[in-house]
Amino acid sequence: MPLLLIPLALLALALLWALLIPIGLIQRSRYGKARRRALGWAVSLGATLSLLSLLLFFAGAWVSGHWIADAPLYAGAGLLAGLALGAFGLGLTRFEDEAKGLYYTPNRWIALGLTALIAARLCYGLWQGLHAWGADAPDSWLPRQGGLFAVGGLLLGYYLIYTLGVRRRLRRHHRLRERAPLTGDMR
């Protein structure tokens, strides 16, 4: 009897996961367009962790290249697209220099687009998994998963450039604040 509870528990976890994914995507979309204060330690930590994630991501793409056709190539193409999108998104970000600190509001359409991209890739992966389940050769779906690396590279590239851009803007904000009492000019 206790062995029958294991499949039921796994089914309950899968259903919970399926219910929480849309909630997580909605929260991601909300947070992605919210006004935030740029904190020096948080921005520096984000930039450092983005670089570390990028190194681990390319190591994973290289290892996965043995099973997934052109995984490093997809990862590199996604990274280049993400770097360009990050620079574009940084240009569309609204920065506010205030006495309390630097505040920024990311572009809502880019945040929504990235969230939709994640949702679309999840749905496509589930669709591929369902079709591979009933296929005669279940191993044939693995070599075609390069799109996962392209999406991952795009997201990592975007957040890396975006975080480095916010960090640069925050440093400029601090330099202007240090000079402001001497010259009386804030800009």
Foldseek 3Di string as FASTA:
>chain_A
DVVVVVVVVVVVVVVVVVVVLVVVLVVQLVVQFDKDFDDQVVLVVLLVVLVVVLVVLLVVQVVLCVQAPPLNVLLVLLQVLLLVVLVVQLVVKDWDQDPVGIMIGTDSVVSNVLSVVVVVVVVVVVVLQVVLVPDPDNSVSRRHPSNVSSNVSNVSNNSNSNSVSVNVVRVVQVVLVVCCVVPVDND
